[in-house]
């Protein structure tokens, strides 16, 4: 006899979770890409910005040295 607390499924069949993942269905697999492409794009943008800033500061320091 079924417990009164459990809901009956609409389709009549009981879906039991599998004991292992179905690797044929890629939509149900977990995400295994730990580092996204956006991480590398943001890192490259920060690197280019930092290089431009260091170049600017170096040129300003050289101009300061020429003036004095």
PDB file of N, CA and C in Angstrom:
ATOM      1  N   UNK A   1       0.840  -1.180   0.000  1.00  0.00           N
ATOM      2  CA  UNK A   1       0.000   0.000   0.000  1.00  0.00           C
ATOM      3  C   UNK A   1       0.887   1.246   0.000  1.00  0.00           C
ATOM      4  N   UNK A   2       0.526   2.235  -0.830  1.00  0.00           N
ATOM      5  CA  UNK A   2       1.304   3.455  -0.925  1.00  0.00           C
ATOM      6  C   UNK A   2       1.010   4.380   0.246  1.00  0.00           C
ATOM      7  N   UNK A   3       2.028   5.107   0.618  1.00  0.00           N
ATOM      8  CA  UNK A   3       1.857   6.073   1.688  1.00  0.00           C
ATOM      9  C   UNK A   3       1.006   7.240   1.175  1.00  0.00           C
ATOM     10  N   UNK A   4       0.250   7.843   2.050  1.00  0.00           N
ATOM     11  CA  UNK A   4      -0.600   8.966   1.645  1.00  0.00           C
ATOM     12  C   UNK A   4       0.210  10.239   1.433  1.00  0.00           C
ATOM     13  N   UNK A   5       1.451  10.268   1.945  1.00  0.00           N
ATOM     14  CA  UNK A   5       2.287  11.453   1.789  1.00  0.00           C
ATOM     15  C   UNK A   5       2.957  11.508   0.425  1.00  0.00           C
ATOM     16  N   UNK A   6       3.145  10.369  -0.207  1.00  0.00           N
ATOM     17  CA  UNK A   6       3.801  10.341  -1.506  1.00  0.00           C
ATOM     18  C   UNK A   6       2.809  10.685  -2.600  1.00  0.00           C
ATOM     19  N   UNK A   7       3.293  11.476  -3.569  1.00  0.00           N
ATOM     20  CA  UNK A   7       2.449  11.834  -4.710  1.00  0.00           C
ATOM     21  C   UNK A   7       2.588  10.778  -5.786  1.00  0.00           C
ATOM     22  N   UNK A   8       1.516  10.524  -6.458  1.00  0.00           N
ATOM     23  CA  UNK A   8       1.551   9.599  -7.570  1.00  0.00           C
ATOM     24  C   UNK A   8       2.042  10.335  -8.806  1.00  0.00           C
ATOM     25  N   UNK A   9       2.838   9.670  -9.631  1.00  0.00           N
ATOM     26  CA  UNK A   9       3.297  10.311 -10.860  1.00  0.00           C
ATOM     27  C   UNK A   9       2.142  10.333 -11.861  1.00  0.00           C
ATOM     28  N   UNK A  10       2.156  11.350 -12.720  1.00  0.00           N
ATOM     29  CA  UNK A  10       1.074  11.518 -13.688  1.00  0.00           C
ATOM     30  C   UNK A  10       1.109  10.454 -14.780  1.00  0.00           C
ATOM     31  N   UNK A  11       2.316  10.062 -15.194  1.00  0.00           N
ATOM     32  CA  UNK A  11       2.415   9.114 -16.303  1.00  0.00           C
ATOM     33  C   UNK A  11       2.223   7.677 -15.847  1.00  0.00           C
ATOM     34  N   UNK A  12       2.255   7.435 -14.591  1.00  0.00           N
ATOM     35  CA  UNK A  12       2.042   6.096 -14.093  1.00  0.00           C
ATOM     36  C   UNK A  12       3.328   5.305 -13.919  1.00  0.00           C
ATOM     37  N   UNK A  13       4.434   5.744 -14.533  1.00  0.00           N
ATOM     38  CA  UNK A  13       5.687   5.013 -14.385  1.00  0.00           C
ATOM     39  C   UNK A  13       6.564   5.695 -13.340  1.00  0.00           C
ATOM     40  N   UNK A  14       7.286   4.919 -12.625  1.00  0.00           N
ATOM     41  CA  UNK A  14       8.163   5.435 -11.580  1.00  0.00           C
ATOM     42  C   UNK A  14       9.552   5.614 -12.176  1.00  0.00           C
ATOM     43  N   UNK A  15      10.118   6.814 -12.015  1.00  0.00           N
ATOM     44  CA  UNK A  15      11.447   7.089 -12.556  1.00  0.00           C
ATOM     45  C   UNK A  15      12.467   6.917 -11.435  1.00  0.00           C
ATOM     46  N   UNK A  16      13.272   5.901 -11.557  1.00  0.00           N
ATOM     47  CA  UNK A  16      14.309   5.607 -10.574  1.00  0.00           C
ATOM     48  C   UNK A  16      15.608   6.202 -11.105  1.00  0.00           C
ATOM     49  N   UNK A  17      16.322   6.974 -10.267  1.00  0.00           N
ATOM     50  CA  UNK A  17      17.584   7.529 -10.757  1.00  0.00           C
ATOM     51  C   UNK A  17      18.590   6.418 -11.045  1.00  0.00           C
ATOM     52  N   UNK A  18      19.338   6.598 -12.108  1.00  0.00           N
ATOM     53  CA  UNK A  18      20.316   5.588 -12.508  1.00  0.00           C
ATOM     54  C   UNK A  18      21.479   5.571 -11.519  1.00  0.00           C
ATOM     55  N   UNK A  19      22.149   4.450 -11.434  1.00  0.00           N
ATOM     56  CA  UNK A  19      23.279   4.334 -10.523  1.00  0.00           C
ATOM     57  C   UNK A  19      24.540   4.958 -11.098  1.00  0.00           C
ATOM     58  N   UNK A  20      24.505   5.354 -12.379  1.00  0.00           N
ATOM     59  CA  UNK A  20      25.612   6.077 -12.998  1.00  0.00           C
ATOM     60  C   UNK A  20      25.037   7.022 -14.046  1.00  0.00           C
ATOM     61  N   UNK A  21      25.849   7.981 -14.449  1.00  0.00           N
ATOM     62  CA  UNK A  21      25.418   8.958 -15.446  1.00  0.00           C
ATOM     63  C   UNK A  21      25.280   8.321 -16.818  1.00  0.00           C
ATOM     64  N   UNK A  22      24.319   8.817 -17.585  1.00  0.00           N
ATOM     65  CA  UNK A  22      24.153   8.392 -18.967  1.00  0.00           C
ATOM     66  C   UNK A  22      25.017   9.317 -19.821  1.00  0.00           C
ATOM     67  N   UNK A  23      26.180   8.835 -20.227  1.00  0.00           N
ATOM     68  CA  UNK A  23      27.121   9.675 -20.951  1.00  0.00           C
ATOM     69  C   UNK A  23      26.682   9.942 -22.388  1.00  0.00           C
ATOM     70  N   UNK A  24      25.636   9.265 -22.840  1.00  0.00           N
ATOM     71  CA  UNK A  24      25.139   9.515 -24.186  1.00  0.00           C
ATOM     72  C   UNK A  24      24.315  10.794 -24.243  1.00  0.00           C
ATOM     73  N   UNK A  25      23.759  11.211 -23.126  1.00  0.00           N
ATOM     74  CA  UNK A  25      22.964  12.438 -23.080  1.00  0.00           C
ATOM     75  C   UNK A  25      23.838  13.541 -22.487  1.00  0.00           C
ATOM     76  N   UNK A  26      24.413  14.354 -23.348  1.00  0.00           N
ATOM     77  CA  UNK A  26      25.364  15.369 -22.879  1.00  0.00           C
ATOM     78  C   UNK A  26      24.684  16.526 -22.156  1.00  0.00           C
ATOM     79  N   UNK A  27      23.377  16.695 -22.307  1.00  0.00           N
ATOM     80  CA  UNK A  27      22.678  17.779 -21.616  1.00  0.00           C
ATOM     81  C   UNK A  27      22.592  17.542 -20.116  1.00  0.00           C
ATOM     82  N   UNK A  28      22.589  16.300 -19.694  1.00  0.00           N
ATOM     83  CA  UNK A  28      22.467  15.986 -18.278  1.00  0.00           C
ATOM     84  C   UNK A  28      23.811  15.875 -17.563  1.00  0.00           C
ATOM     85  N   UNK A  29      24.912  15.937 -18.302  1.00  0.00           N
ATOM     86  CA  UNK A  29      26.234  15.825 -17.688  1.00  0.00           C
ATOM     87  C   UNK A  29      26.610  17.126 -16.995  1.00  0.00           C
ATOM     88  N   UNK A  30      27.408  17.058 -15.932  1.00  0.00           N
ATOM     89  CA  UNK A  30      27.840  18.286 -15.255  1.00  0.00           C
ATOM     90  C   UNK A  30      28.853  19.043 -16.106  1.00  0.00           C
ATOM     91  N   UNK A  31      29.003  20.304 -15.808  1.00  0.00           N
ATOM     92  CA  UNK A  31      29.951  21.150 -16.516  1.00  0.00           C
ATOM     93  C   UNK A  31      31.358  20.815 -16.027  1.00  0.00           C
ATOM     94  N   UNK A  32      32.234  20.416 -16.927  1.00  0.00           N
ATOM     95  CA  UNK A  32      33.583  20.015 -16.533  1.00  0.00           C
ATOM     96  C   UNK A  32      34.644  21.008 -16.992  1.00  0.00           C
ATOM     97  N   UNK A  33      34.254  22.126 -17.552  1.00  0.00           N
ATOM     98  CA  UNK A  33      35.223  23.123 -17.989  1.00  0.00           C
ATOM     99  C   UNK A  33      35.455  24.092 -16.833  1.00  0.00           C
ATOM    100  N   UNK A  34      36.540  23.909 -16.073  1.00  0.00           N
ATOM    101  CA  UNK A  34      36.715  24.709 -14.859  1.00  0.00           C
ATOM    102  C   UNK A  34      37.032  26.180 -15.122  1.00  0.00           C
ATOM    103  N   UNK A  35      37.741  26.455 -16.210  1.00  0.00           N
ATOM    104  CA  UNK A  35      38.099  27.843 -16.506  1.00  0.00           C
ATOM    105  C   UNK A  35      37.448  28.217 -17.831  1.00  0.00           C
ATOM    106  N   UNK A  36      36.618  29.205 -17.791  1.00  0.00           N
ATOM    107  CA  UNK A  36      35.887  29.647 -18.977  1.00  0.00           C
ATOM    108  C   UNK A  36      36.773  30.493 -19.878  1.00  0.00           C
ATOM    109  N   UNK A  37      36.378  30.623 -21.130  1.00  0.00           N
ATOM    110  CA  UNK A  37      37.108  31.428 -22.101  1.00  0.00           C
ATOM    111  C   UNK A  37      37.100  32.898 -21.689  1.00  0.00           C
ATOM    112  N   UNK A  38      36.023  33.347 -21.055  1.00  0.00           N
ATOM    113  CA  UNK A  38      35.935  34.739 -20.613  1.00  0.00           C
ATOM    114  C   UNK A  38      37.043  35.070 -19.621  1.00  0.00           C
ATOM    115  N   UNK A  39      37.474  34.083 -18.840  1.00  0.00           N
ATOM    116  CA  UNK A  39      38.566  34.305 -17.893  1.00  0.00           C
ATOM    117  C   UNK A  39      39.832  34.702 -18.637  1.00  0.00           C
ATOM    118  N   UNK A  40      40.142  33.997 -19.738  1.00  0.00           N
ATOM    119  CA  UNK A  40      41.338  34.307 -20.505  1.00  0.00           C
ATOM    120  C   UNK A  40      41.209  35.641 -21.238  1.00  0.00           C
ATOM    121  N   UNK A  41      40.013  35.946 -21.722  1.00  0.00           N
ATOM    122  CA  UNK A  41      39.811  37.227 -22.408  1.00  0.00           C
ATOM    123  C   UNK A  41      39.982  38.381 -21.432  1.00  0.00           C
ATOM    124  N   UNK A  42      39.412  38.263 -20.234  1.00  0.00           N
ATOM    125  CA  UNK A  42      39.577  39.305 -19.227  1.00  0.00           C
ATOM    126  C   UNK A  42      41.031  39.423 -18.789  1.00  0.00           C
ATOM    127  N   UNK A  43      41.708  38.287 -18.646  1.00  0.00           N
ATOM    128  CA  UNK A  43      43.128  38.319 -18.268  1.00  0.00           C
ATOM    129  C   UNK A  43      43.976  39.002 -19.322  1.00  0.00           C
ATOM    130  N   UNK A  44      43.696  38.726 -20.591  1.00  0.00           N
ATOM    131  CA  UNK A  44      44.434  39.366 -21.680  1.00  0.00           C
ATOM    132  C   UNK A  44      44.168  40.876 -21.704  1.00  0.00           C
ATOM    133  N   UNK A  45      42.934  41.278 -21.478  1.00  0.00           N
ATOM    134  CA  UNK A  45      42.604  42.711 -21.459  1.00  0.00           C
ATOM    135  C   UNK A  45      43.332  43.415 -20.304  1.00  0.00           C
ATOM    136  N   UNK A  46      43.394  42.773 -19.153  1.00  0.00           N
ATOM    137  CA  UNK A  46      44.107  43.365 -18.011  1.00  0.00           C
ATOM    138  C   UNK A  46      45.599  43.447 -18.308  1.00  0.00           C
ATOM    139  N   UNK A  47      46.152  42.412 -18.957  1.00  0.00           N
ATOM    140  CA  UNK A  47      47.574  42.409 -19.293  1.00  0.00           C
ATOM    141  C   UNK A  47      47.911  43.528 -20.281  1.00  0.00           C
ATOM    142  N   UNK A  48      47.093  43.721 -21.313  1.00  0.00           N
ATOM    143  CA  UNK A  48      47.334  44.779 -22.298  1.00  0.00           C
ATOM    144  C   UNK A  48      47.214  46.150 -21.642  1.00  0.00           C
ATOM    145  N   UNK A  49      46.220  46.336 -20.800  1.00  0.00           N
ATOM    146  CA  UNK A  49      46.042  47.616 -20.111  1.00  0.00           C
ATOM    147  C   UNK A  49      47.215  47.915 -19.184  1.00  0.00           C
ATOM    148  N   UNK A  50      47.679  46.907 -18.468  1.00  0.00           N
ATOM    149  CA  UNK A  50      48.813  47.098 -17.565  1.00  0.00           C
ATOM    150  C   UNK A  50      50.081  47.428 -18.350  1.00  0.00           C
ATOM    151  N   UNK A  51      50.300  46.758 -19.477  1.00  0.00           N
ATOM    152  CA  UNK A  51      51.477  47.040 -20.304  1.00  0.00           C
ATOM    153  C   UNK A  51      51.427  48.466 -20.848  1.00  0.00           C
ATOM    154  N   UNK A  52      50.249  48.910 -21.280  1.00  0.00           N
ATOM    155  CA  UNK A  52      50.115  50.284 -21.786  1.00  0.00           C
ATOM    156  C   UNK A  52      50.364  51.297 -20.671  1.00  0.00           C
ATOM    157  N   UNK A  53      49.883  51.011 -19.484  1.00  0.00           N
ATOM    158  CA  UNK A  53      50.089  51.922 -18.345  1.00  0.00           C
ATOM    159  C   UNK A  53      51.558  51.978 -17.960  1.00  0.00           C
ATOM    160  N   UNK A  54      52.235  50.839 -17.935  1.00  0.00           N
ATOM    161  CA  UNK A  54      53.663  50.827 -17.606  1.00  0.00           C
ATOM    162  C   UNK A  54      54.461  51.581 -18.661  1.00  0.00           C
ATOM    163  N   UNK A  55      54.106  51.423 -19.935  1.00  0.00           N
ATOM    164  CA  UNK A  55      54.784  52.145 -21.012  1.00  0.00           C
ATOM    165  C   UNK A  55      54.578  53.649 -20.866  1.00  0.00           C
ATOM    166  N   UNK A  56      53.361  54.062 -20.543  1.00  0.00           N
ATOM    167  CA  UNK A  56      53.069  55.483 -20.369  1.00  0.00           C
ATOM    168  C   UNK A  56      53.861  56.067 -19.196  1.00  0.00           C
ATOM    169  N   UNK A  57      53.883  55.348 -18.083  1.00  0.00           N
ATOM    170  CA  UNK A  57      54.614  55.833 -16.899  1.00  0.00           C
ATOM    171  C   UNK A  57      56.105  55.902 -17.197  1.00  0.00           C
ATOM    172  N   UNK A  58      56.649  54.942 -17.924  1.00  0.00           N
ATOM    173  CA  UNK A  58      58.074  54.943 -18.269  1.00  0.00           C
ATOM    174  C   UNK A  58      58.421  56.139 -19.160  1.00  0.00           C
ATOM    175  N   UNK A  59      57.580  56.428 -20.137  1.00  0.00           N
ATOM    176  CA  UNK A  59      57.831  57.576 -21.013  1.00  0.00           C
ATOM    177  C   UNK A  59      57.745  58.887 -20.240  1.00  0.00           C
ATOM    178  N   UNK A  60      56.780  59.003 -19.338  1.00  0.00           N
ATOM    179  CA  UNK A  60      56.670  60.220 -18.533  1.00  0.00           C
ATOM    180  C   UNK A  60      57.883  60.397 -17.625  1.00  0.00           C
ATOM    181  N   UNK A  61      58.409  59.281 -17.113  1.00  0.00           N
ATOM    182  CA  UNK A  61      59.601  59.361 -16.259  1.00  0.00           C
ATOM    183  C   UNK A  61      60.804  59.805 -17.062  1.00  0.00           C
ATOM    184  N   UNK A  62      60.913  59.313 -18.314  1.00  0.00           N
ATOM    185  CA  UNK A  62      62.023  59.747 -19.154  1.00  0.00           C
ATOM    186  C   UNK A  62      61.915  61.231 -19.481  1.00  0.00           C
ATOM    187  N   UNK A  63      60.694  61.717 -19.763  1.00  0.00           N
ATOM    188  CA  UNK A  63      60.512  63.142 -20.031  1.00  0.00           C
ATOM    189  C   UNK A  63      60.813  63.980 -18.794  1.00  0.00           C
ATOM    190  N   UNK A  64      60.488  63.473 -17.626  1.00  0.00           N
ATOM    191  CA  UNK A  64      60.797  64.170 -16.374  1.00  0.00           C
ATOM    192  C   UNK A  64      62.307  64.274 -16.203  1.00  0.00           C
ATOM    193  N   UNK A  65      63.029  63.186 -16.563  1.00  0.00           N
ATOM    194  CA  UNK A  65      64.482  63.202 -16.471  1.00  0.00           C
ATOM    195  C   UNK A  65      65.110  64.176 -17.443  1.00  0.00           C
ATOM    196  N   UNK A  66      64.540  64.324 -18.641  1.00  0.00           N
ATOM    197  CA  UNK A  66      65.066  65.275 -19.620  1.00  0.00           C
ATOM    198  C   UNK A  66      64.845  66.722 -19.194  1.00  0.00           C
ATOM    199  N   UNK A  67      63.731  66.977 -18.536  1.00  0.00           N
ATOM    200  CA  UNK A  67      63.421  68.345 -18.107  1.00  0.00           C
ATOM    201  C   UNK A  67      64.321  68.798 -16.966  1.00  0.00           C
ATOM    202  N   UNK A  68      64.751  67.871 -16.123  1.00  0.00           N
ATOM    203  CA  UNK A  68      65.545  68.283 -14.966  1.00  0.00           C
ATOM    204  C   UNK A  68      67.021  68.258 -15.236  1.00  0.00           C
TER     205      UNK A  68
END
